[in-house]
Amino acid sequence: SVVAAAGGFFREPWKTAGMEWEEAKELKRNLAKPHNSDHGCLLNAVTGYTDASNQQSFCDRWQLNQTTMRLIRDQQNRLYTECQENKTDSFANRHRGNFQLLTAVLCAGIFPNIARRRGG
């Protein structure tokens, strides 16, 4: 969910100018696997970028703008640090890469009168 929040601050990170529309969609679809979601694609892009030993090569492979990816990662780190300051490190990072939580957060934001937290 931090990735979705961090990604919302910046332009789309994909460099698809000059690509056919179907080619660009297929590239994003492959990056999003196993999810069929733009937010899942962004989650996989940021996670892959962060974990890559060669971030430039990762960006080239997936047609990502490295500057935008760095800005998203930096914003993600700022949000993470704020969570970390309020709770422990394990609390702030316990759902890293959790697509189901990302889906729940998006649904709660889109349908605020339907989703509601109960209990603990």
N, C-alpha and C. Protein backbone atom coordinates (compact mmCIF):
# COMPACT_ATOMS: atom_id res chain seq x y z
N SER A 1 0.82 -1.20 0.00
CA SER A 1 0.00 0.00 0.00
C SER A 1 0.86 1.26 0.00
N VAL A 2 2.06 1.16 0.59
CA VAL A 2 2.98 2.30 0.57
C VAL A 2 3.43 2.56 -0.87
N VAL A 3 3.58 1.51 -1.67
CA VAL A 3 3.97 1.67 -3.07
C VAL A 3 2.90 2.45 -3.83
N ALA A 4 1.63 2.10 -3.63
CA ALA A 4 0.54 2.79 -4.31
C ALA A 4 0.51 4.26 -3.90
N ALA A 5 0.71 4.53 -2.63
CA ALA A 5 0.73 5.91 -2.15
C ALA A 5 1.93 6.66 -2.72
N ALA A 6 3.09 6.03 -2.71
CA ALA A 6 4.29 6.68 -3.23
C ALA A 6 4.20 6.88 -4.73
N GLY A 7 3.64 5.91 -5.44
CA GLY A 7 3.50 6.02 -6.89
C GLY A 7 2.54 7.10 -7.31
N GLY A 8 1.59 7.44 -6.45
CA GLY A 8 0.61 8.47 -6.76
C GLY A 8 1.17 9.87 -6.79
N PHE A 9 2.37 10.07 -6.28
CA PHE A 9 2.98 11.40 -6.25
C PHE A 9 3.64 11.78 -7.57
N PHE A 10 3.87 10.81 -8.46
CA PHE A 10 4.70 11.05 -9.64
C PHE A 10 4.00 10.57 -10.91
N ARG A 11 4.56 10.99 -12.04
CA ARG A 11 4.06 10.55 -13.34
C ARG A 11 4.31 9.05 -13.49
N GLU A 12 3.63 8.46 -14.47
CA GLU A 12 3.86 7.05 -14.75
C GLU A 12 5.32 6.83 -15.07
N PRO A 13 5.90 5.77 -14.55
CA PRO A 13 7.34 5.54 -14.77
C PRO A 13 7.69 4.89 -16.10
N TRP A 14 6.69 4.54 -16.92
CA TRP A 14 7.00 3.81 -18.16
C TRP A 14 7.38 4.75 -19.29
N LYS A 15 8.36 4.33 -20.07
CA LYS A 15 8.80 5.05 -21.26
C LYS A 15 8.25 4.31 -22.47
N THR A 16 7.00 4.56 -22.79
CA THR A 16 6.36 3.82 -23.87
C THR A 16 6.17 4.66 -25.13
N ALA A 17 6.69 5.89 -25.15
CA ALA A 17 6.59 6.72 -26.35
C ALA A 17 7.30 6.02 -27.50
N GLY A 18 6.65 5.96 -28.63
CA GLY A 18 7.22 5.30 -29.79
C GLY A 18 6.90 3.82 -29.86
N MET A 19 6.32 3.26 -28.81
CA MET A 19 5.92 1.85 -28.81
C MET A 19 4.48 1.74 -29.29
N GLU A 20 4.16 0.63 -29.92
CA GLU A 20 2.77 0.36 -30.28
C GLU A 20 1.98 0.18 -28.98
N TRP A 21 0.71 0.58 -29.00
CA TRP A 21 -0.13 0.51 -27.82
C TRP A 21 -0.21 -0.92 -27.30
N GLU A 22 -0.42 -1.88 -28.18
CA GLU A 22 -0.52 -3.29 -27.76
C GLU A 22 0.81 -3.79 -27.18
N GLU A 23 1.92 -3.36 -27.75
CA GLU A 23 3.24 -3.76 -27.24
C GLU A 23 3.46 -3.23 -25.83
N ALA A 24 3.06 -1.97 -25.60
CA ALA A 24 3.19 -1.37 -24.27
C ALA A 24 2.28 -2.09 -23.26
N LYS A 25 1.05 -2.41 -23.68
CA LYS A 25 0.13 -3.13 -22.79
C LYS A 25 0.67 -4.51 -22.43
N GLU A 26 1.25 -5.20 -23.41
CA GLU A 26 1.81 -6.53 -23.18
C GLU A 26 2.98 -6.46 -22.21
N LEU A 27 3.82 -5.43 -22.36
CA LEU A 27 4.96 -5.24 -21.46
C LEU A 27 4.47 -5.07 -20.02
N LYS A 28 3.48 -4.21 -19.83
CA LYS A 28 2.92 -3.99 -18.49
C LYS A 28 2.23 -5.24 -17.96
N ARG A 29 1.53 -5.94 -18.84
CA ARG A 29 0.84 -7.17 -18.44
C ARG A 29 1.85 -8.20 -17.93
N ASN A 30 2.98 -8.32 -18.63
CA ASN A 30 4.02 -9.27 -18.21
C ASN A 30 4.65 -8.87 -16.88
N LEU A 31 4.86 -7.57 -16.68
CA LEU A 31 5.43 -7.11 -15.42
C LEU A 31 4.45 -7.29 -14.27
N ALA A 32 3.17 -7.17 -14.55
CA ALA A 32 2.14 -7.27 -13.50
C ALA A 32 1.90 -8.71 -13.04
N LYS A 33 2.34 -9.71 -13.81
CA LYS A 33 2.05 -11.11 -13.48
C LYS A 33 2.43 -11.42 -12.05
N PRO A 34 1.64 -12.14 -11.31
CA PRO A 34 0.47 -12.91 -11.68
C PRO A 34 -0.83 -12.11 -11.57
N HIS A 35 -0.75 -10.80 -11.37
CA HIS A 35 -1.93 -9.97 -11.16
C HIS A 35 -2.31 -9.30 -12.47
N ASN A 36 -3.57 -9.01 -12.65
CA ASN A 36 -4.05 -8.29 -13.82
C ASN A 36 -4.48 -6.91 -13.34
N SER A 37 -3.48 -6.09 -12.99
CA SER A 37 -3.78 -4.82 -12.34
C SER A 37 -2.65 -3.83 -12.59
N ASP A 38 -3.01 -2.58 -12.84
CA ASP A 38 -1.99 -1.54 -12.97
C ASP A 38 -1.26 -1.32 -11.66
N HIS A 39 -1.99 -1.41 -10.54
CA HIS A 39 -1.35 -1.24 -9.24
C HIS A 39 -0.43 -2.42 -8.93
N GLY A 40 -0.83 -3.62 -9.35
CA GLY A 40 0.05 -4.78 -9.20
C GLY A 40 1.30 -4.62 -10.04
N CYS A 41 1.14 -4.04 -11.22
CA CYS A 41 2.28 -3.78 -12.09
C CYS A 41 3.24 -2.79 -11.43
N LEU A 42 2.69 -1.73 -10.85
CA LEU A 42 3.54 -0.75 -10.16
C LEU A 42 4.22 -1.39 -8.96
N LEU A 43 3.49 -2.22 -8.22
CA LEU A 43 4.07 -2.92 -7.07
C LEU A 43 5.25 -3.78 -7.52
N ASN A 44 5.06 -4.56 -8.60
CA ASN A 44 6.15 -5.41 -9.11
C ASN A 44 7.30 -4.58 -9.66
N ALA A 45 6.99 -3.45 -10.29
CA ALA A 45 8.04 -2.58 -10.84
C ALA A 45 8.91 -2.01 -9.72
N VAL A 46 8.28 -1.48 -8.68
CA VAL A 46 9.04 -0.88 -7.58
C VAL A 46 9.81 -1.94 -6.80
N THR A 47 9.17 -3.08 -6.53
CA THR A 47 9.85 -4.16 -5.82
C THR A 47 11.02 -4.68 -6.64
N GLY A 48 10.80 -4.90 -7.93
CA GLY A 48 11.87 -5.38 -8.80
C GLY A 48 13.01 -4.38 -8.91
N TYR A 49 12.67 -3.10 -9.03
CA TYR A 49 13.68 -2.04 -9.11
C TYR A 49 14.51 -1.99 -7.83
N THR A 50 13.83 -2.04 -6.70
CA THR A 50 14.52 -1.96 -5.40
C THR A 50 15.43 -3.17 -5.18
N ASP A 51 14.97 -4.35 -5.60
CA ASP A 51 15.72 -5.58 -5.36
C ASP A 51 16.78 -5.86 -6.43
N ALA A 52 16.73 -5.16 -7.56
CA ALA A 52 17.65 -5.45 -8.67
C ALA A 52 19.09 -5.07 -8.32
N SER A 53 20.01 -5.93 -8.69
CA SER A 53 21.43 -5.61 -8.48
C SER A 53 21.88 -4.57 -9.50
N ASN A 54 21.28 -4.56 -10.68
CA ASN A 54 21.57 -3.57 -11.71
C ASN A 54 20.26 -2.86 -12.06
N GLN A 55 20.00 -1.75 -11.39
CA GLN A 55 18.73 -1.06 -11.54
C GLN A 55 18.54 -0.48 -12.94
N GLN A 56 19.61 -0.02 -13.57
CA GLN A 56 19.51 0.52 -14.92
C GLN A 56 19.09 -0.57 -15.90
N SER A 57 19.67 -1.74 -15.77
CA SER A 57 19.32 -2.87 -16.63
C SER A 57 17.85 -3.26 -16.42
N PHE A 58 17.40 -3.26 -15.19
CA PHE A 58 15.99 -3.57 -14.89
C PHE A 58 15.09 -2.55 -15.58
N CYS A 59 15.43 -1.27 -15.47
CA CYS A 59 14.63 -0.22 -16.11
C CYS A 59 14.62 -0.36 -17.62
N ASP A 60 15.77 -0.68 -18.20
CA ASP A 60 15.84 -0.86 -19.65
C ASP A 60 14.97 -2.04 -20.10
N ARG A 61 15.01 -3.12 -19.35
CA ARG A 61 14.24 -4.31 -19.71
C ARG A 61 12.74 -4.04 -19.70
N TRP A 62 12.26 -3.28 -18.73
CA TRP A 62 10.83 -3.04 -18.58
C TRP A 62 10.40 -1.65 -19.07
N GLN A 63 11.28 -0.94 -19.77
CA GLN A 63 10.96 0.39 -20.31
C GLN A 63 10.51 1.36 -19.22
N LEU A 64 11.28 1.40 -18.12
CA LEU A 64 10.97 2.27 -16.99
C LEU A 64 11.92 3.46 -16.98
N ASN A 65 11.42 4.59 -16.54
CA ASN A 65 12.25 5.78 -16.38
C ASN A 65 12.96 5.67 -15.03
N GLN A 66 14.27 5.57 -15.05
CA GLN A 66 15.01 5.34 -13.81
C GLN A 66 14.86 6.51 -12.83
N THR A 67 14.81 7.72 -13.33
CA THR A 67 14.66 8.88 -12.44
C THR A 67 13.32 8.82 -11.71
N THR A 68 12.25 8.49 -12.43
CA THR A 68 10.94 8.38 -11.80
C THR A 68 10.91 7.23 -10.80
N MET A 69 11.53 6.10 -11.18
CA MET A 69 11.59 4.96 -10.25
C MET A 69 12.34 5.33 -8.98
N ARG A 70 13.42 6.07 -9.12
CA ARG A 70 14.19 6.50 -7.95
C ARG A 70 13.34 7.42 -7.07
N LEU A 71 12.58 8.34 -7.70
CA LEU A 71 11.71 9.24 -6.93
C LEU A 71 10.63 8.46 -6.20
N ILE A 72 10.03 7.47 -6.86
CA ILE A 72 9.01 6.64 -6.20
C ILE A 72 9.62 5.87 -5.03
N ARG A 73 10.81 5.28 -5.25
CA ARG A 73 11.47 4.53 -4.18
C ARG A 73 11.81 5.46 -3.01
N ASP A 74 12.29 6.67 -3.31
CA ASP A 74 12.62 7.62 -2.24
C ASP A 74 11.37 8.03 -1.46
N GLN A 75 10.27 8.26 -2.16
CA GLN A 75 9.02 8.61 -1.48
C GLN A 75 8.54 7.43 -0.64
N GLN A 76 8.67 6.23 -1.18
CA GLN A 76 8.31 5.03 -0.43
C GLN A 76 9.14 4.94 0.85
N ASN A 77 10.43 5.22 0.75
CA ASN A 77 11.30 5.19 1.92
C ASN A 77 10.91 6.25 2.94
N ARG A 78 10.50 7.45 2.47
CA ARG A 78 10.05 8.50 3.40
C ARG A 78 8.79 8.05 4.15
N LEU A 79 7.83 7.48 3.40
CA LEU A 79 6.61 7.00 4.05
C LEU A 79 6.92 5.86 5.02
N TYR A 80 7.81 4.98 4.61
CA TYR A 80 8.23 3.86 5.46
C TYR A 80 8.87 4.40 6.75
N THR A 81 9.72 5.42 6.62
CA THR A 81 10.40 6.01 7.78
C THR A 81 9.38 6.61 8.75
N GLU A 82 8.35 7.25 8.19
CA GLU A 82 7.30 7.80 9.06
C GLU A 82 6.58 6.68 9.81
N CYS A 83 6.30 5.58 9.11
CA CYS A 83 5.68 4.43 9.79
C CYS A 83 6.61 3.86 10.85
N GLN A 84 7.88 3.80 10.50
CA GLN A 84 8.88 3.23 11.40
C GLN A 84 9.03 4.07 12.66
N GLU A 85 8.94 5.39 12.52
CA GLU A 85 9.07 6.27 13.68
C GLU A 85 7.88 6.11 14.63
N ASN A 86 6.73 5.74 14.09
CA ASN A 86 5.54 5.57 14.91
C ASN A 86 5.42 4.18 15.52
N LYS A 87 6.06 3.20 14.88
CA LYS A 87 6.00 1.82 15.36
C LYS A 87 7.39 1.20 15.19
N THR A 88 7.50 -0.08 15.41
CA THR A 88 8.78 -0.75 15.24
C THR A 88 9.02 -1.06 13.77
N ASP A 89 10.27 -1.40 13.43
CA ASP A 89 10.66 -1.72 12.06
C ASP A 89 9.85 -2.88 11.50
N SER A 90 9.66 -3.91 12.27
CA SER A 90 8.92 -5.08 11.78
C SER A 90 7.46 -4.72 11.51
N PHE A 91 6.90 -3.80 12.28
CA PHE A 91 5.52 -3.38 12.05
C PHE A 91 5.41 -2.62 10.74
N ALA A 92 6.34 -1.71 10.48
CA ALA A 92 6.27 -0.87 9.29
C ALA A 92 6.49 -1.66 8.01
N ASN A 93 7.19 -2.78 8.06
CA ASN A 93 7.55 -3.52 6.85
C ASN A 93 6.87 -4.88 6.77
N ARG A 94 5.91 -5.17 7.63
CA ARG A 94 5.38 -6.52 7.73
C ARG A 94 4.53 -6.94 6.54
N HIS A 95 4.05 -6.01 5.74
CA HIS A 95 3.21 -6.37 4.60
C HIS A 95 3.87 -6.04 3.26
N ARG A 96 5.18 -5.97 3.22
CA ARG A 96 5.88 -5.62 1.98
C ARG A 96 5.54 -6.62 0.88
N GLY A 97 5.11 -6.11 -0.27
CA GLY A 97 4.80 -6.95 -1.40
C GLY A 97 3.47 -7.69 -1.32
N ASN A 98 2.62 -7.34 -0.37
CA ASN A 98 1.35 -8.03 -0.16
C ASN A 98 0.27 -7.44 -1.08
N PHE A 99 0.00 -8.14 -2.18
CA PHE A 99 -0.96 -7.65 -3.16
C PHE A 99 -2.38 -7.62 -2.60
N GLN A 100 -2.73 -8.58 -1.75
CA GLN A 100 -4.07 -8.60 -1.17
C GLN A 100 -4.32 -7.36 -0.31
N LEU A 101 -3.30 -6.94 0.44
CA LEU A 101 -3.45 -5.72 1.24
C LEU A 101 -3.57 -4.50 0.33
N LEU A 102 -2.77 -4.47 -0.74
CA LEU A 102 -2.86 -3.36 -1.69
C LEU A 102 -4.28 -3.27 -2.25
N THR A 103 -4.86 -4.39 -2.61
CA THR A 103 -6.23 -4.42 -3.13
C THR A 103 -7.22 -3.90 -2.08
N ALA A 104 -7.05 -4.32 -0.85
CA ALA A 104 -7.95 -3.88 0.22
C ALA A 104 -7.84 -2.37 0.44
N VAL A 105 -6.63 -1.84 0.41
CA VAL A 105 -6.43 -0.40 0.61
C VAL A 105 -7.07 0.38 -0.53
N LEU A 106 -6.88 -0.10 -1.76
CA LEU A 106 -7.49 0.58 -2.91
C LEU A 106 -9.01 0.55 -2.83
N CYS A 107 -9.56 -0.59 -2.47
CA CYS A 107 -11.02 -0.70 -2.34
C CYS A 107 -11.54 0.22 -1.25
N ALA A 108 -10.83 0.30 -0.15
CA ALA A 108 -11.26 1.19 0.94
C ALA A 108 -11.22 2.65 0.50
N GLY A 109 -10.23 3.00 -0.33
CA GLY A 109 -10.14 4.37 -0.83
C GLY A 109 -11.21 4.69 -1.86
N ILE A 110 -11.52 3.72 -2.70
CA ILE A 110 -12.51 3.93 -3.76
C ILE A 110 -13.93 3.88 -3.20
N PHE A 111 -14.16 2.98 -2.26
CA PHE A 111 -15.48 2.79 -1.68
C PHE A 111 -15.42 3.01 -0.16
N PRO A 112 -15.22 4.24 0.30
CA PRO A 112 -15.01 4.48 1.74
C PRO A 112 -16.21 4.14 2.61
N ASN A 113 -17.40 4.13 2.06
CA ASN A 113 -18.58 3.84 2.87
C ASN A 113 -18.88 2.35 2.94
N ILE A 114 -18.13 1.53 2.20
CA ILE A 114 -18.36 0.10 2.20
C ILE A 114 -17.34 -0.62 3.08
N ALA A 115 -16.06 -0.26 2.94
CA ALA A 115 -15.01 -0.92 3.71
C ALA A 115 -14.92 -0.31 5.10
N ARG A 116 -14.75 -1.16 6.09
CA ARG A 116 -14.67 -0.67 7.46
C ARG A 116 -13.79 -1.63 8.25
N ARG A 117 -12.91 -1.09 9.08
CA ARG A 117 -12.04 -1.91 9.91
C ARG A 117 -12.76 -2.26 11.19
N ARG A 118 -12.68 -3.52 11.57
CA ARG A 118 -13.28 -3.97 12.82
C ARG A 118 -12.24 -4.64 13.69
N GLY A 119 -12.42 -4.54 14.97
CA GLY A 119 -11.57 -5.25 15.91
C GLY A 119 -10.16 -4.71 15.99
N GLY A 120 -9.27 -5.51 16.62
CA GLY A 120 -7.87 -5.24 16.90
C GLY A 120 -7.19 -4.45 15.93
